[in-house]
Protein backbone atom coordinates (compact mmCIF):
# COMPACT_ATOMS: atom_id res chain seq x y z
CA UNK A 1 -15.81 3.57 -21.60
CA UNK A 2 -15.84 6.85 -19.47
CA UNK A 3 -13.43 9.23 -18.37
CA UNK A 4 -13.37 7.10 -14.48
CA UNK A 5 -11.61 4.50 -16.81
CA UNK A 6 -9.43 6.78 -18.65
CA UNK A 7 -8.09 7.92 -15.61
CA UNK A 8 -7.68 4.58 -14.25
CA UNK A 9 -5.32 3.72 -16.75
CA UNK A 10 -3.41 6.90 -16.75
CA UNK A 11 -2.51 6.36 -12.71
CA UNK A 12 -2.53 3.36 -13.06
CA UNK A 13 0.59 3.56 -16.19
CA UNK A 14 2.42 6.68 -13.69
CA UNK A 15 2.86 4.06 -10.80
CA UNK A 16 4.46 1.89 -13.08
CA UNK A 17 7.10 5.21 -14.02
CA UNK A 18 7.89 5.91 -10.61
CA UNK A 19 7.65 2.67 -9.88
CA UNK A 20 10.22 2.31 -13.48
CA UNK A 21 12.48 5.54 -12.71
CA UNK A 22 12.48 5.46 -9.34
CA UNK A 23 15.53 3.31 -8.93
CA UNK A 24 17.91 4.28 -11.03
CA UNK A 25 16.96 8.34 -9.85
CA UNK A 26 18.02 7.13 -5.85
CA UNK A 27 20.97 5.75 -7.59
CA UNK A 28 21.92 8.57 -9.25
CA UNK A 29 21.22 11.47 -6.18
CA UNK A 30 22.99 9.30 -4.43
CA UNK A 31 26.43 9.50 -5.97
CA UNK A 32 25.75 12.53 -6.44
CA UNK A 33 25.44 13.54 -2.32
CA UNK A 34 28.43 11.47 -2.21
CA UNK A 35 30.06 12.80 -4.54
CA UNK A 36 29.30 16.85 -3.96
CA UNK A 37 30.50 15.96 -0.49
CA UNK A 38 33.73 14.69 -0.83
CA UNK A 39 33.70 18.10 -4.12
CA UNK A 40 32.30 20.06 -0.60
CA UNK A 41 35.63 19.48 1.23
CA UNK A 42 38.46 19.05 -0.51
CA UNK A 43 37.35 22.13 -3.35
CA UNK A 44 37.93 19.94 -6.27
CA UNK A 45 35.05 21.48 -8.07
CA UNK A 46 35.18 19.71 -11.93
CA UNK A 47 31.87 18.25 -13.15
CA UNK A 48 32.72 14.99 -15.32
CA UNK A 49 34.60 14.16 -11.36
CA UNK A 50 30.94 13.67 -10.77
CA UNK A 51 29.41 12.85 -13.95
CA UNK A 52 30.82 9.29 -15.19
CA UNK A 53 30.43 7.45 -11.21
CA UNK A 54 26.38 8.95 -11.72
CA UNK A 55 26.90 7.05 -15.35
CA UNK A 56 28.80 4.22 -14.70
CA UNK A 57 26.07 3.63 -11.69
CA UNK A 58 23.45 4.57 -13.76
CA UNK A 59 24.91 1.71 -16.43
CA UNK A 60 25.33 -0.98 -12.66
CA UNK A 61 21.82 -0.02 -11.46
CA UNK A 62 20.34 -0.89 -15.23
CA UNK A 63 22.10 -4.15 -15.59
CA UNK A 64 21.03 -5.46 -12.63
CA UNK A 65 17.04 -4.60 -12.02
CA UNK A 66 16.38 -4.03 -16.01
CA UNK A 67 15.20 -7.47 -16.51
CA UNK A 68 12.75 -6.89 -13.96
CA UNK A 69 11.93 -3.26 -14.94
CA UNK A 70 12.23 -5.55 -18.15
CA UNK A 71 8.94 -7.58 -16.50
CA UNK A 72 7.04 -4.63 -14.60
CA UNK A 73 6.78 -3.13 -18.38
CA UNK A 74 5.47 -6.23 -20.15
CA UNK A 75 3.94 -7.06 -17.40
CA UNK A 76 1.76 -3.96 -17.77
CA UNK A 77 1.18 -3.38 -21.62
CA UNK A 78 -0.25 -7.00 -21.23
CA UNK A 79 -2.26 -6.22 -18.20
CA UNK A 80 -3.74 -3.54 -20.51
CA UNK A 81 -3.94 -5.14 -23.90
CA UNK A 82 -6.07 -7.60 -22.03
CA UNK A 83 -8.32 -5.62 -21.44
CA UNK A 84 -8.71 -3.70 -25.00
CA UNK A 85 -12.65 -5.74 -25.36
CA UNK A 86 -13.95 -5.13 -21.69
CA UNK A 87 -12.59 -0.96 -22.17
CA UNK A 88 -14.17 -0.22 -25.26
CA UNK A 89 -17.71 -2.47 -25.24
């Protein structure tokens, strides 16, 4: 196994990480932006007002997208383990 192979595996791992975290982060960012605009308009400065809806949206995204996320990470891990003989030799 040479340095190029290690870099390629690391790149693929980072791609999977970004792919899996993007839906959660984007949904949380959108909800946070909406709540921040509401707080700015009404001048309500309550920290829990932004935390609870974000938590519910993250749970919803994980519930809806969880099976897809599990398939992605399982596929990456399976492919990586299947390629171990080729990586060692």
